[in-house]
Amino acid sequence: MDKSQKLAGLKQKMQQDMSLPLRSGATNLVFGEGNPDTKVYFIGEGPGYFEDQQARPFVGQAGKLLDKLLESINLKRADVYISNIVRFRPPENRDPTEEEIESFRPYVDEEISIIDPDIIVTLGRFSMNKFLPGTKISQIHGQSKIVHLNEKKVTVLPMYHPAAALRAGAVMLQLQKDFQEIKKTLENPPETNDMEDKPVLKGTSIEESKDEEQLKLL
């Protein structure tokens, strides 16, 4: 069974899992999409209105910005894989709760295991906190971190969510700059010896930061 078949099976399991939260108020399950053989996996927060309607991640204004950012580093949407921490739209686009995130966690973890990326780009603080709990996005955005995931060392690049960049010019400039780190990491992947010198974090816990600064920055 290839990766596409495994992902299709995972999507079917999610569609049939009536225990998942947020289902009742949503139109569609929004599963991840893209190249299952990619080295780069993007993970955001959750579906918005347009994502809910089209059953596709990042297709609204934030998604259009994401496409442009990918083009800036010579990548297309079809080259990467794009997903979210929760797969049904929270009411009124509110933040997902810790309990909701935890409910989707086994599916998110399995999706990442299937794709087996070298680089995970987290968009916003919720996906960042999955791999780097207790950190502040304002302090570590654009900085590569090494996490130990599925018996493999993976580069995690925390970044602001594109929706935050649409609301603040300063965040837009930072996000544009941070995206260049993806290109640099692809061109010069960390050597094993270099990795050993960096802290290895276990990318399995999910903690929601209560820091007020993060709440403002998405």
C-alpha atoms as a PDB file:
ATOM      1  CA  MET A   1       0.000   0.000   0.000  1.00  0.00           C
ATOM      2  CA  ASP A   2       1.513   3.349  -1.050  1.00  0.00           C
ATOM      3  CA  LYS A   3       1.282   6.636   0.826  1.00  0.00           C
ATOM      4  CA  SER A   4      -1.719   7.903  -1.143  1.00  0.00           C
ATOM      5  CA  GLN A   5      -3.677   4.770  -0.304  1.00  0.00           C
ATOM      6  CA  LYS A   6      -2.736   5.025   3.371  1.00  0.00           C
ATOM      7  CA  LEU A   7      -3.836   8.663   3.474  1.00  0.00           C
ATOM      8  CA  ALA A   8      -7.117   7.785   1.774  1.00  0.00           C
ATOM      9  CA  GLY A   9      -7.704   5.123   4.411  1.00  0.00           C
ATOM     10  CA  LEU A  10      -6.898   7.595   7.182  1.00  0.00           C
ATOM     11  CA  LYS A  11      -9.330  10.121   5.738  1.00  0.00           C
ATOM     12  CA  GLN A  12     -12.051   7.473   5.628  1.00  0.00           C
ATOM     13  CA  LYS A  13     -11.418   6.608   9.285  1.00  0.00           C
ATOM     14  CA  MET A  14     -11.788  10.258  10.223  1.00  0.00           C
ATOM     15  CA  GLN A  15     -15.006  10.595   8.268  1.00  0.00           C
ATOM     16  CA  GLN A  16     -16.423   7.599  10.093  1.00  0.00           C
ATOM     17  CA  ASP A  17     -15.243   8.670  13.551  1.00  0.00           C
ATOM     18  CA  MET A  18     -18.372  10.200  15.075  1.00  0.00           C
ATOM     19  CA  SER A  19     -16.519  10.961  18.306  1.00  0.00           C
ATOM     20  CA  LEU A  20     -14.498  13.763  16.725  1.00  0.00           C
ATOM     21  CA  PRO A  21     -15.459  17.226  18.009  1.00  0.00           C
ATOM     22  CA  LEU A  22     -16.619  20.203  15.915  1.00  0.00           C
ATOM     23  CA  ARG A  23     -18.367  17.924  13.416  1.00  0.00           C
ATOM     24  CA  SER A  24     -21.917  19.088  14.140  1.00  0.00           C
ATOM     25  CA  GLY A  25     -21.338  22.707  13.129  1.00  0.00           C
ATOM     26  CA  ALA A  26     -19.136  22.006  10.108  1.00  0.00           C
ATOM     27  CA  THR A  27     -19.984  21.386   6.476  1.00  0.00           C
ATOM     28  CA  ASN A  28     -17.052  19.169   5.547  1.00  0.00           C
ATOM     29  CA  LEU A  29     -14.103  17.306   6.950  1.00  0.00           C
ATOM     30  CA  VAL A  30     -11.026  19.186   5.749  1.00  0.00           C
ATOM     31  CA  PHE A  31      -8.287  16.617   5.286  1.00  0.00           C
ATOM     32  CA  GLY A  32      -4.713  17.435   4.291  1.00  0.00           C
ATOM     33  CA  GLU A  33      -3.689  17.627   0.659  1.00  0.00           C
ATOM     34  CA  GLY A  34      -0.601  17.761  -1.496  1.00  0.00           C
ATOM     35  CA  ASN A  35       2.358  15.591  -2.417  1.00  0.00           C
ATOM     36  CA  PRO A  36       2.534  12.593  -0.045  1.00  0.00           C
ATOM     37  CA  ASP A  37       6.190  12.100  -0.982  1.00  0.00           C
ATOM     38  CA  THR A  38       7.199  15.646  -0.107  1.00  0.00           C
ATOM     39  CA  LYS A  39      10.004  16.613   2.233  1.00  0.00           C
ATOM     40  CA  VAL A  40       8.019  19.618   3.518  1.00  0.00           C
ATOM     41  CA  TYR A  41       4.842  19.305   5.611  1.00  0.00           C
ATOM     42  CA  PHE A  42       2.884  22.429   6.566  1.00  0.00           C
ATOM     43  CA  ILE A  43       0.487  22.357   9.485  1.00  0.00           C
ATOM     44  CA  GLY A  44      -1.812  25.185  10.511  1.00  0.00           C
ATOM     45  CA  GLU A  45      -4.618  25.654  12.989  1.00  0.00           C
ATOM     46  CA  GLY A  46      -7.972  24.678  11.483  1.00  0.00           C
ATOM     47  CA  PRO A  47     -10.346  25.267   8.587  1.00  0.00           C
ATOM     48  CA  GLY A  48     -12.019  28.631   8.026  1.00  0.00           C
ATOM     49  CA  TYR A  49     -15.193  29.391   6.091  1.00  0.00           C
ATOM     50  CA  PHE A  50     -13.870  28.732   2.582  1.00  0.00           C
ATOM     51  CA  GLU A  51     -11.966  25.645   3.670  1.00  0.00           C
ATOM     52  CA  ASP A  52     -15.135  24.282   5.265  1.00  0.00           C
ATOM     53  CA  GLN A  53     -17.108  24.909   2.078  1.00  0.00           C
ATOM     54  CA  GLN A  54     -14.537  23.424  -0.301  1.00  0.00           C
ATOM     55  CA  ALA A  55     -13.210  20.669   1.979  1.00  0.00           C
ATOM     56  CA  ARG A  56      -9.637  21.816   1.252  1.00  0.00           C
ATOM     57  CA  PRO A  57      -7.036  23.392   3.568  1.00  0.00           C
ATOM     58  CA  PHE A  58      -5.794  26.950   3.064  1.00  0.00           C
ATOM     59  CA  VAL A  59      -7.978  28.079   0.144  1.00  0.00           C
ATOM     60  CA  GLY A  60      -9.121  31.465   1.528  1.00  0.00           C
ATOM     61  CA  GLN A  61      -7.080  34.668   1.668  1.00  0.00           C
ATOM     62  CA  ALA A  62      -4.518  33.087   4.004  1.00  0.00           C
ATOM     63  CA  GLY A  63      -4.206  30.211   1.549  1.00  0.00           C
ATOM     64  CA  LYS A  64      -3.600  32.578  -1.363  1.00  0.00           C
ATOM     65  CA  LEU A  65      -0.826  34.213   0.629  1.00  0.00           C
ATOM     66  CA  LEU A  66       0.622  30.788   1.409  1.00  0.00           C
ATOM     67  CA  ASP A  67       0.696  30.021  -2.324  1.00  0.00           C
ATOM     68  CA  LYS A  68       2.612  33.267  -2.989  1.00  0.00           C
ATOM     69  CA  LEU A  69       5.055  32.520  -0.199  1.00  0.00           C
ATOM     70  CA  LEU A  70       5.703  29.099  -1.686  1.00  0.00           C
ATOM     71  CA  GLU A  71       6.329  30.688  -5.082  1.00  0.00           C
ATOM     72  CA  SER A  72       8.875  33.008  -3.462  1.00  0.00           C
ATOM     73  CA  ILE A  73      11.042  29.966  -2.697  1.00  0.00           C
ATOM     74  CA  ASN A  74      10.371  28.262  -6.035  1.00  0.00           C
ATOM     75  CA  LEU A  75       7.833  25.774  -4.717  1.00  0.00           C
ATOM     76  CA  LYS A  76       4.273  25.084  -5.787  1.00  0.00           C
ATOM     77  CA  ARG A  77       1.384  23.943  -3.662  1.00  0.00           C
ATOM     78  CA  ALA A  78       1.584  20.560  -5.396  1.00  0.00           C
ATOM     79  CA  ASP A  79       5.187  20.163  -4.207  1.00  0.00           C
ATOM     80  CA  VAL A  80       4.334  20.177  -0.493  1.00  0.00           C
ATOM     81  CA  TYR A  81       1.698  18.785   1.863  1.00  0.00           C
ATOM     82  CA  ILE A  82      -0.656  21.115   3.751  1.00  0.00           C
ATOM     83  CA  SER A  83      -2.769  20.206   6.758  1.00  0.00           C
ATOM     84  CA  ASN A  84      -4.197  21.448  10.068  1.00  0.00           C
ATOM     85  CA  ILE A  85      -4.254  20.576  13.769  1.00  0.00           C
ATOM     86  CA  VAL A  86      -8.081  20.213  13.727  1.00  0.00           C
ATOM     87  CA  ARG A  87     -10.051  19.107  10.672  1.00  0.00           C
ATOM     88  CA  PHE A  88     -13.497  20.601  11.213  1.00  0.00           C
ATOM     89  CA  ARG A  89     -14.125  24.345  11.324  1.00  0.00           C
ATOM     90  CA  PRO A  90     -14.489  25.739  14.859  1.00  0.00           C
ATOM     91  CA  PRO A  91     -17.637  27.884  15.223  1.00  0.00           C
ATOM     92  CA  GLU A  92     -17.062  31.486  14.131  1.00  0.00           C
ATOM     93  CA  ASN A  93     -13.421  30.577  13.501  1.00  0.00           C
ATOM     94  CA  ARG A  94     -12.681  30.581  17.229  1.00  0.00           C
ATOM     95  CA  ASP A  95      -9.484  29.052  18.577  1.00  0.00           C
ATOM     96  CA  PRO A  96      -9.577  25.264  18.991  1.00  0.00           C
ATOM     97  CA  THR A  97      -9.557  24.080  22.578  1.00  0.00           C
ATOM     98  CA  GLU A  98      -6.866  21.839  24.042  1.00  0.00           C
ATOM     99  CA  GLU A  99      -9.409  19.000  24.250  1.00  0.00           C
ATOM    100  CA  GLU A 100     -10.365  19.400  20.583  1.00  0.00           C
ATOM    101  CA  ILE A 101      -6.727  19.402  19.517  1.00  0.00           C
ATOM    102  CA  GLU A 102      -6.095  16.269  21.552  1.00  0.00           C
ATOM    103  CA  SER A 103      -9.040  14.488  19.918  1.00  0.00           C
ATOM    104  CA  PHE A 104      -7.514  14.990  16.480  1.00  0.00           C
ATOM    105  CA  ARG A 105      -3.959  14.261  17.615  1.00  0.00           C
ATOM    106  CA  PRO A 106      -3.855  10.514  16.768  1.00  0.00           C
ATOM    107  CA  TYR A 107      -4.944  11.261  13.202  1.00  0.00           C
ATOM    108  CA  VAL A 108      -2.473  14.121  12.823  1.00  0.00           C
ATOM    109  CA  ASP A 109       0.318  11.920  14.157  1.00  0.00           C
ATOM    110  CA  GLU A 110      -0.587   9.110  11.769  1.00  0.00           C
ATOM    111  CA  GLU A 111      -0.704  11.495   8.826  1.00  0.00           C
ATOM    112  CA  ILE A 112       2.772  12.791   9.657  1.00  0.00           C
ATOM    113  CA  SER A 113       4.020   9.225  10.090  1.00  0.00           C
ATOM    114  CA  ILE A 114       2.711   8.283   6.638  1.00  0.00           C
ATOM    115  CA  ILE A 115       4.237  11.294   4.894  1.00  0.00           C
ATOM    116  CA  ASP A 116       7.485  11.059   6.880  1.00  0.00           C
ATOM    117  CA  PRO A 117       8.692  14.610   6.090  1.00  0.00           C
ATOM    118  CA  ASP A 118      12.150  16.019   6.707  1.00  0.00           C
ATOM    119  CA  ILE A 119      10.810  19.499   7.480  1.00  0.00           C
ATOM    120  CA  ILE A 120       7.647  20.422   9.377  1.00  0.00           C
ATOM    121  CA  VAL A 121       6.597  24.053   9.013  1.00  0.00           C
ATOM    122  CA  THR A 122       4.191  25.078  11.758  1.00  0.00           C
ATOM    123  CA  LEU A 123       1.887  27.979  10.905  1.00  0.00           C
ATOM    124  CA  GLY A 124       0.707  29.712  14.066  1.00  0.00           C
ATOM    125  CA  ARG A 125       1.096  28.965  17.754  1.00  0.00           C
ATOM    126  CA  PHE A 126      -1.259  25.976  18.013  1.00  0.00           C
ATOM    127  CA  SER A 127       0.670  23.761  15.621  1.00  0.00           C
ATOM    128  CA  MET A 128       3.956  25.131  16.994  1.00  0.00           C
ATOM    129  CA  ASN A 129       2.975  24.075  20.511  1.00  0.00           C
ATOM    130  CA  LYS A 130       2.483  20.504  19.351  1.00  0.00           C
ATOM    131  CA  PHE A 131       6.219  20.201  18.718  1.00  0.00           C
ATOM    132  CA  LEU A 132       7.662  23.027  20.802  1.00  0.00           C
ATOM    133  CA  PRO A 133       5.462  23.369  23.886  1.00  0.00           C
ATOM    134  CA  GLY A 134       6.000  26.297  26.183  1.00  0.00           C
ATOM    135  CA  THR A 135       7.676  28.470  23.532  1.00  0.00           C
ATOM    136  CA  LYS A 136       6.732  31.920  22.260  1.00  0.00           C
ATOM    137  CA  ILE A 137       6.237  32.338  18.550  1.00  0.00           C
ATOM    138  CA  SER A 138       7.455  35.927  18.742  1.00  0.00           C
ATOM    139  CA  GLN A 139      10.820  34.647  20.018  1.00  0.00           C
ATOM    140  CA  ILE A 140      11.475  31.569  17.868  1.00  0.00           C
ATOM    141  CA  HIS A 141       9.713  32.164  14.542  1.00  0.00           C
ATOM    142  CA  GLY A 142      11.941  31.355  11.581  1.00  0.00           C
ATOM    143  CA  GLN A 143      14.420  29.403  13.722  1.00  0.00           C
ATOM    144  CA  SER A 144      14.949  25.756  12.852  1.00  0.00           C
ATOM    145  CA  LYS A 145      14.560  23.301  15.720  1.00  0.00           C
ATOM    146  CA  ILE A 146      15.267  19.581  15.768  1.00  0.00           C
ATOM    147  CA  VAL A 147      12.630  17.268  17.207  1.00  0.00           C
ATOM    148  CA  HIS A 148      12.688  13.519  17.638  1.00  0.00           C
ATOM    149  CA  LEU A 149       9.612  12.197  15.868  1.00  0.00           C
ATOM    150  CA  ASN A 150       8.781   8.603  14.957  1.00  0.00           C
ATOM    151  CA  GLU A 151      12.375   7.519  15.680  1.00  0.00           C
ATOM    152  CA  LYS A 152      13.625  10.181  13.285  1.00  0.00           C
ATOM    153  CA  LYS A 153      15.119  13.635  13.731  1.00  0.00           C
ATOM    154  CA  VAL A 154      12.991  16.203  11.936  1.00  0.00           C
ATOM    155  CA  THR A 155      13.542  19.923  11.395  1.00  0.00           C
ATOM    156  CA  VAL A 156      10.663  22.026  12.713  1.00  0.00           C
ATOM    157  CA  LEU A 157      10.375  25.593  11.428  1.00  0.00           C
ATOM    158  CA  PRO A 158       7.886  27.622  13.487  1.00  0.00           C
ATOM    159  CA  MET A 159       6.275  30.514  11.617  1.00  0.00           C
ATOM    160  CA  TYR A 160       3.458  32.982  12.000  1.00  0.00           C
ATOM    161  CA  HIS A 161       0.116  31.994  10.516  1.00  0.00           C
ATOM    162  CA  PRO A 162      -0.536  33.701   7.145  1.00  0.00           C
ATOM    163  CA  ALA A 163      -3.787  35.096   8.576  1.00  0.00           C
ATOM    164  CA  ALA A 164      -1.734  37.047  11.135  1.00  0.00           C
ATOM    165  CA  ALA A 165       0.445  38.429   8.324  1.00  0.00           C
ATOM    166  CA  LEU A 166      -2.653  39.684   6.506  1.00  0.00           C
ATOM    167  CA  ARG A 167      -3.536  41.746   9.572  1.00  0.00           C
ATOM    168  CA  ALA A 168      -0.107  43.204  10.322  1.00  0.00           C
ATOM    169  CA  GLY A 169       2.526  44.472   7.913  1.00  0.00           C
ATOM    170  CA  ALA A 170       5.380  43.765  10.317  1.00  0.00           C
ATOM    171  CA  VAL A 171       4.325  40.132  10.633  1.00  0.00           C
ATOM    172  CA  MET A 172       4.073  39.906   6.823  1.00  0.00           C
ATOM    173  CA  LEU A 173       7.693  41.018   6.462  1.00  0.00           C
ATOM    174  CA  GLN A 174       8.834  38.528   9.082  1.00  0.00           C
ATOM    175  CA  LEU A 175       6.904  35.684   7.443  1.00  0.00           C
ATOM    176  CA  GLN A 176       8.371  36.477   4.031  1.00  0.00           C
ATOM    177  CA  LYS A 177      11.851  36.430   5.526  1.00  0.00           C
ATOM    178  CA  ASP A 178      11.205  33.252   7.520  1.00  0.00           C
ATOM    179  CA  PHE A 179      10.098  31.376   4.399  1.00  0.00           C
ATOM    180  CA  GLN A 180      13.613  31.693   3.045  1.00  0.00           C
ATOM    181  CA  GLU A 181      14.666  29.335   5.842  1.00  0.00           C
ATOM    182  CA  ILE A 182      12.702  26.565   4.148  1.00  0.00           C
ATOM    183  CA  LYS A 183      14.740  27.033   0.985  1.00  0.00           C
ATOM    184  CA  LYS A 184      18.003  27.124   2.950  1.00  0.00           C
ATOM    185  CA  THR A 185      17.128  23.951   4.852  1.00  0.00           C
ATOM    186  CA  LEU A 186      16.195  22.103   1.661  1.00  0.00           C
ATOM    187  CA  GLU A 187      19.428  23.188  -0.012  1.00  0.00           C
ATOM    188  CA  ASN A 188      21.577  22.466   3.049  1.00  0.00           C
ATOM    189  CA  PRO A 189      19.902  19.824   5.208  1.00  0.00           C
ATOM    190  CA  PRO A 190      21.403  19.421   8.687  1.00  0.00           C
ATOM    191  CA  GLU A 191      24.124  16.829   8.869  1.00  0.00           C
ATOM    192  CA  THR A 192      23.738  14.035  11.413  1.00  0.00           C
ATOM    193  CA  ASN A 193      26.723  15.296  13.379  1.00  0.00           C
ATOM    194  CA  ASP A 194      25.290  18.807  13.457  1.00  0.00           C
ATOM    195  CA  MET A 195      22.013  17.425  14.681  1.00  0.00           C
ATOM    196  CA  GLU A 196      23.688  15.777  17.617  1.00  0.00           C
ATOM    197  CA  ASP A 197      24.790  19.180  18.871  1.00  0.00           C
ATOM    198  CA  LYS A 198      21.235  20.518  18.956  1.00  0.00           C
ATOM    199  CA  PRO A 199      18.575  19.840  21.589  1.00  0.00           C
ATOM    200  CA  VAL A 200      16.320  16.962  20.662  1.00  0.00           C
ATOM    201  CA  LEU A 201      12.714  17.486  21.667  1.00  0.00           C
ATOM    202  CA  LYS A 202       9.984  14.924  21.746  1.00  0.00           C
ATOM    203  CA  GLY A 203       7.278  16.076  19.357  1.00  0.00           C
ATOM    204  CA  THR A 204       4.279  14.384  20.903  1.00  0.00           C
ATOM    205  CA  SER A 205       2.838  16.658  23.558  1.00  0.00           C
ATOM    206  CA  ILE A 206       0.217  19.334  22.950  1.00  0.00           C
ATOM    207  CA  GLU A 207       0.150  22.318  25.257  1.00  0.00           C
ATOM    208  CA  GLU A 208      -1.721  25.558  24.682  1.00  0.00           C
ATOM    209  CA  SER A 209       0.288  28.592  25.750  1.00  0.00           C
ATOM    210  CA  LYS A 210      -1.514  31.119  27.918  1.00  0.00           C
ATOM    211  CA  ASP A 211       0.920  33.889  27.091  1.00  0.00           C
ATOM    212  CA  GLU A 212      -1.015  37.050  26.240  1.00  0.00           C
ATOM    213  CA  GLU A 213       1.472  38.099  23.598  1.00  0.00           C
ATOM    214  CA  GLN A 214       0.926  34.876  21.692  1.00  0.00           C
ATOM    215  CA  LEU A 215      -2.825  35.249  21.900  1.00  0.00           C
ATOM    216  CA  LYS A 216      -2.526  38.554  20.071  1.00  0.00           C
ATOM    217  CA  LEU A 217      -0.160  37.221  17.441  1.00  0.00           C
ATOM    218  CA  LEU A 218      -2.146  34.098  16.479  1.00  0.00           C
END
